[in-house]
Amino acid sequence: MSEWVVLTIAMAAACAVVLAIVVINNRRITEDDDPSETPDVIEYMTMMIGVVYAIVLGLAIAGVWEARSAAQETVRQEAQAMHEISQRVEVYPLATRERIRADVDAYVRFVVEDEFPYMADHAALSPTGTELLQKVRRGVTDYQPANDFEGQAYQPLVDQVAVADDARNARGQNAGATMPGVVWFGLVIGALVTVGLIFTLQIRRTGRELLLAGLFSALIAFLLFLIWDFDAPFSRGLAATAAPFVDLFPQVTS
């Protein structure tokens, strides 16, 4: 099921539940009830709880967005490091540089075509990708420079392999959900409390009040969905992509 279908269902369900409670609760109110009798302390508490929950939602959205941006940055660093390896082996003999470039291309092709889908399904790196990167590492480190010119290129190549390995490990750490379960518990309970408190304000069955109640509940559902969608940087709607690899290695991914 598409994430947008889930969002639509969640928002519609939130509106339906809130409006149903308003209508049912309104039937139990007597004709002589005065909605202006709501104590000021209740209005103050409702406002303060809403403000606190809004701050928590804002921090949660900022946190998951930052995690997604960091995940995309690790992909860019990894792709750039592999590109540097492929370019800097130009100083090596023909057979050596073709072998290393072939290993790099094989790794990039696997990452784009197989590992990103694997991460989305398993929230972890593929063992095959790790083996392909180790093959690139061995191809770089096992070569013995034949002269000073090749020797000057050797250490930067080893450093780029380390950069790629570090970026790959960071990508693996971001493969799953980043939001702790206890935070989700707080967000869901906070949403229930915040939406529930609007019933203390004695909402009537007027069109304006029902519209505002429905929109408020739908907004809370949308923000929670947004946090959930960003929470797994590589597996949900607005996920980090393999675009840096595609941009730097068009010959492999075409």
Protein backbone atom coordinates (compact mmCIF):
# COMPACT_ATOMS: atom_id res chain seq x y z
CA MET A 1 0.00 0.00 0.00
CA SER A 2 1.31 3.43 -0.98
CA GLU A 3 2.46 5.79 1.79
CA TRP A 4 0.08 8.45 0.48
CA VAL A 5 -2.84 6.04 0.74
CA VAL A 6 -1.83 5.36 4.35
CA LEU A 7 -1.68 9.11 4.99
CA THR A 8 -5.12 9.68 3.50
CA ILE A 9 -6.63 6.87 5.56
CA ALA A 10 -4.95 8.09 8.76
CA MET A 11 -6.12 11.68 8.30
CA ALA A 12 -9.65 10.59 7.39
CA ALA A 13 -9.79 8.23 10.37
CA ALA A 14 -8.56 10.93 12.75
CA CYS A 15 -11.20 13.36 11.48
CA ALA A 16 -13.95 10.75 11.64
CA VAL A 17 -13.13 9.74 15.22
CA VAL A 18 -12.95 13.32 16.47
CA LEU A 19 -16.14 14.40 14.71
CA ALA A 20 -17.99 11.29 15.90
CA ILE A 21 -17.00 11.99 19.51
CA VAL A 22 -18.08 15.62 19.15
CA VAL A 23 -21.48 14.67 17.79
CA ILE A 24 -22.07 11.95 20.39
CA ASN A 25 -20.90 14.16 23.22
CA ASN A 26 -23.07 17.03 22.00
CA ARG A 27 -26.19 14.87 22.26
CA ARG A 28 -25.54 14.42 25.97
CA ILE A 29 -25.39 18.15 26.66
CA THR A 30 -28.54 19.65 28.10
CA GLU A 31 -30.18 22.72 26.58
CA ASP A 32 -29.39 24.91 29.56
CA ASP A 33 -25.64 24.19 29.33
CA ASP A 34 -23.52 27.31 28.83
CA PRO A 35 -20.26 26.73 26.87
CA SER A 36 -18.85 29.98 28.22
CA GLU A 37 -18.65 28.37 31.67
CA THR A 38 -15.43 26.54 30.75
CA PRO A 39 -12.98 27.39 33.56
CA ASP A 40 -10.11 29.65 32.55
CA VAL A 41 -7.60 27.19 33.99
CA ILE A 42 -8.77 24.53 31.52
CA GLU A 43 -8.30 26.88 28.58
CA TYR A 44 -4.85 27.79 29.88
CA MET A 45 -3.83 24.16 30.39
CA THR A 46 -5.12 23.21 26.94
CA MET A 47 -3.14 26.01 25.33
CA MET A 48 0.07 25.17 27.21
CA ILE A 49 -0.13 21.45 26.44
CA GLY A 50 -0.73 22.27 22.78
CA VAL A 51 2.31 24.56 22.71
CA VAL A 52 4.53 21.97 24.39
CA TYR A 53 3.39 19.24 22.01
CA ALA A 54 3.95 21.53 19.02
CA ILE A 55 7.54 22.08 20.17
CA VAL A 56 8.04 18.32 20.56
CA LEU A 57 6.64 17.69 17.07
CA GLY A 58 8.91 20.36 15.62
CA LEU A 59 11.98 18.85 17.25
CA ALA A 60 11.01 15.36 16.06
CA ILE A 61 10.52 16.54 12.46
CA ALA A 62 13.84 18.43 12.54
CA GLY A 63 15.58 15.34 13.95
CA VAL A 64 14.35 12.89 11.32
CA TRP A 65 14.96 15.39 8.51
CA GLU A 66 18.52 15.91 9.71
CA ALA A 67 19.01 12.13 9.83
CA ARG A 68 17.74 11.82 6.25
CA SER A 69 20.03 14.63 5.08
CA ALA A 70 22.98 12.99 6.83
CA ALA A 71 22.14 9.67 5.15
CA GLN A 72 22.10 11.34 1.73
CA GLU A 73 25.41 13.03 2.49
CA THR A 74 27.05 9.69 3.31
CA VAL A 75 25.91 8.38 -0.07
CA ARG A 76 27.47 11.40 -1.76
CA GLN A 77 30.76 10.93 0.12
CA GLU A 78 30.88 7.25 -0.76
CA ALA A 79 30.17 7.91 -4.44
CA GLN A 80 32.76 10.68 -4.58
CA ALA A 81 35.39 8.48 -2.95
CA MET A 82 34.78 5.69 -5.46
CA HIS A 83 34.95 8.22 -8.29
CA GLU A 84 38.30 9.51 -6.97
CA ILE A 85 39.66 5.95 -6.88
CA SER A 86 38.56 5.36 -10.45
CA GLN A 87 40.21 8.58 -11.63
CA ARG A 88 43.43 8.49 -9.62
CA VAL A 89 44.48 5.04 -10.82
CA GLU A 90 45.23 6.69 -14.16
CA VAL A 91 48.91 6.79 -13.18
CA TYR A 92 49.04 3.01 -12.77
CA PRO A 93 49.87 0.57 -15.60
CA LEU A 94 47.05 -0.22 -17.99
CA ALA A 95 46.29 -3.71 -16.68
CA THR A 96 46.25 -2.57 -13.05
CA ARG A 97 44.04 0.46 -13.56
CA GLU A 98 41.59 -1.47 -15.72
CA ARG A 99 41.30 -4.15 -13.04
CA ILE A 100 40.71 -1.60 -10.27
CA ARG A 101 38.22 0.36 -12.37
CA ALA A 102 36.36 -2.84 -13.19
CA ASP A 103 36.13 -3.62 -9.47
CA VAL A 104 34.88 -0.09 -8.75
CA ASP A 105 32.28 -0.32 -11.53
CA ALA A 106 31.10 -3.71 -10.25
CA TYR A 107 30.69 -2.29 -6.74
CA VAL A 108 28.82 0.80 -7.94
CA ARG A 109 26.52 -1.26 -10.15
CA PHE A 110 25.69 -3.57 -7.26
CA VAL A 111 25.02 -0.67 -4.88
CA VAL A 112 22.64 1.07 -7.27
CA GLU A 113 20.81 -1.95 -8.64
CA ASP A 114 20.79 -4.36 -5.70
CA GLU A 115 21.98 -2.93 -2.40
CA PHE A 116 19.60 0.02 -2.13
CA PRO A 117 16.55 -2.27 -2.60
CA TYR A 118 18.16 -4.72 -0.15
CA MET A 119 18.53 -1.94 2.43
CA ALA A 120 14.89 -0.95 2.00
CA ASP A 121 13.77 -4.54 2.67
CA HIS A 122 16.25 -5.60 5.38
CA ALA A 123 17.39 -2.29 6.96
CA ALA A 124 21.00 -3.48 6.68
CA LEU A 125 23.90 -3.63 4.25
CA SER A 126 24.29 -6.55 1.88
CA PRO A 127 27.21 -8.96 2.55
CA THR A 128 27.86 -9.04 -1.19
CA GLY A 129 28.43 -5.29 -1.24
CA THR A 130 30.94 -5.64 1.59
CA GLU A 131 32.82 -8.31 -0.36
CA LEU A 132 32.91 -6.15 -3.49
CA LEU A 133 34.33 -3.23 -1.54
CA GLN A 134 36.96 -5.48 -0.01
CA LYS A 135 37.92 -6.51 -3.53
CA VAL A 136 38.42 -2.86 -4.43
CA ARG A 137 40.51 -2.40 -1.28
CA ARG A 138 42.74 -5.37 -2.10
CA GLY A 139 43.19 -4.16 -5.65
CA VAL A 140 44.44 -0.80 -4.36
CA THR A 141 46.51 -1.89 -1.38
CA ASP A 142 48.14 -4.98 -2.91
CA TYR A 143 49.71 -3.05 -5.77
CA GLN A 144 53.38 -2.16 -5.28
CA PRO A 145 54.27 1.18 -6.90
CA ALA A 146 57.00 0.81 -9.50
CA ASN A 147 58.34 4.40 -9.24
CA ASP A 148 58.05 7.58 -7.20
CA PHE A 149 55.25 8.93 -9.37
CA GLU A 150 53.08 5.89 -8.66
CA GLY A 151 54.17 5.96 -5.02
CA GLN A 152 52.85 9.50 -4.62
CA ALA A 153 49.43 8.32 -5.84
CA TYR A 154 49.36 5.19 -3.69
CA GLN A 155 48.59 6.69 -0.26
CA PRO A 156 45.80 9.04 -1.50
CA LEU A 157 44.17 6.02 -3.14
CA VAL A 158 44.33 4.06 0.12
CA ASP A 159 42.83 7.07 1.92
CA GLN A 160 39.93 7.23 -0.56
CA VAL A 161 39.20 3.56 0.04
CA ALA A 162 39.04 4.32 3.78
CA VAL A 163 36.68 7.22 3.11
CA ALA A 164 34.41 4.99 1.03
CA ASP A 165 34.44 2.29 3.71
CA ASP A 166 33.61 4.81 6.44
CA ALA A 167 30.77 6.29 4.39
CA ARG A 168 29.44 2.82 3.66
CA ASN A 169 29.43 1.94 7.36
CA ALA A 170 27.57 5.18 8.12
CA ARG A 171 25.05 4.28 5.41
CA GLY A 172 24.52 0.93 7.08
CA GLN A 173 23.93 2.56 10.46
CA ASN A 174 21.25 4.77 8.90
CA ALA A 175 19.59 1.91 7.02
CA GLY A 176 16.90 1.32 9.65
CA ALA A 177 14.55 3.54 11.63
CA THR A 178 16.30 6.31 13.54
CA MET A 179 13.55 7.30 15.99
CA PRO A 180 13.63 5.35 19.31
CA GLY A 181 10.47 3.53 20.33
CA VAL A 182 10.09 5.55 23.53
CA VAL A 183 9.94 8.74 21.44
CA TRP A 184 7.18 7.27 19.30
CA PHE A 185 5.32 6.34 22.48
CA GLY A 186 5.54 9.94 23.66
CA LEU A 187 4.46 11.33 20.29
CA VAL A 188 1.39 9.09 20.05
CA ILE A 189 0.32 9.63 23.67
CA GLY A 190 0.90 13.36 23.26
CA ALA A 191 -1.29 13.39 20.15
CA LEU A 192 -4.11 11.59 21.98
CA VAL A 193 -3.88 13.97 24.94
CA THR A 194 -3.70 17.08 22.75
CA VAL A 195 -6.66 16.06 20.59
CA GLY A 196 -8.58 14.82 23.63
CA LEU A 197 -8.22 18.13 25.43
CA ILE A 198 -10.19 19.97 22.76
CA PHE A 199 -13.30 18.20 24.07
CA THR A 200 -12.93 20.06 27.38
CA LEU A 201 -13.75 23.27 25.55
CA GLN A 202 -17.37 22.19 24.95
CA ILE A 203 -17.33 22.11 21.15
CA ARG A 204 -20.78 22.53 19.60
CA ARG A 205 -22.14 21.02 16.41
CA THR A 206 -21.78 24.22 14.38
CA GLY A 207 -20.06 23.89 11.02
CA ARG A 208 -17.18 26.14 12.02
CA GLU A 209 -16.38 24.25 15.20
CA LEU A 210 -16.64 20.85 13.53
CA LEU A 211 -14.41 22.03 10.68
CA LEU A 212 -11.75 23.31 13.06
CA ALA A 213 -11.85 20.11 15.13
CA GLY A 214 -11.50 17.98 12.01
CA LEU A 215 -8.66 20.06 10.57
CA PHE A 216 -6.78 20.02 13.88
CA SER A 217 -6.94 16.25 14.16
CA ALA A 218 -5.98 15.83 10.49
CA LEU A 219 -2.98 18.13 11.01
CA ILE A 220 -1.74 16.03 13.94
CA ALA A 221 -2.14 12.85 11.85
CA PHE A 222 -0.24 14.44 8.94
CA LEU A 223 2.68 15.55 11.13
CA LEU A 224 2.98 12.11 12.70
CA PHE A 225 2.95 10.55 9.24
CA LEU A 226 5.66 12.99 8.13
CA ILE A 227 7.87 11.93 11.04
CA TRP A 228 7.23 8.25 10.25
CA ASP A 229 8.03 8.78 6.56
CA PHE A 230 11.37 10.48 7.29
CA ASP A 231 12.25 8.05 10.08
CA ALA A 232 13.75 5.40 7.75
CA PRO A 233 16.07 7.34 5.38
CA PHE A 234 16.44 4.55 2.80
CA SER A 235 13.12 2.73 2.75
CA ARG A 236 10.13 5.10 2.70
CA GLY A 237 8.55 7.74 0.50
CA LEU A 238 11.08 10.59 0.66
CA ALA A 239 14.06 8.28 0.96
CA ALA A 240 17.72 8.97 0.29
CA THR A 241 18.64 7.84 -3.20
CA ALA A 242 21.62 6.50 -5.13
CA ALA A 243 21.62 9.60 -7.36
CA PRO A 244 25.28 10.52 -6.55
CA PHE A 245 26.43 7.14 -7.87
CA VAL A 246 24.28 7.55 -10.98
CA ASP A 247 25.66 11.04 -11.62
CA LEU A 248 29.31 10.06 -11.22
CA PHE A 249 29.13 6.65 -12.96
CA PRO A 250 26.67 7.07 -15.85
CA GLN A 251 28.47 4.39 -17.87
CA VAL A 252 27.70 1.81 -15.16
CA THR A 253 24.08 2.69 -14.43
CA SER A 254 22.89 3.45 -17.98
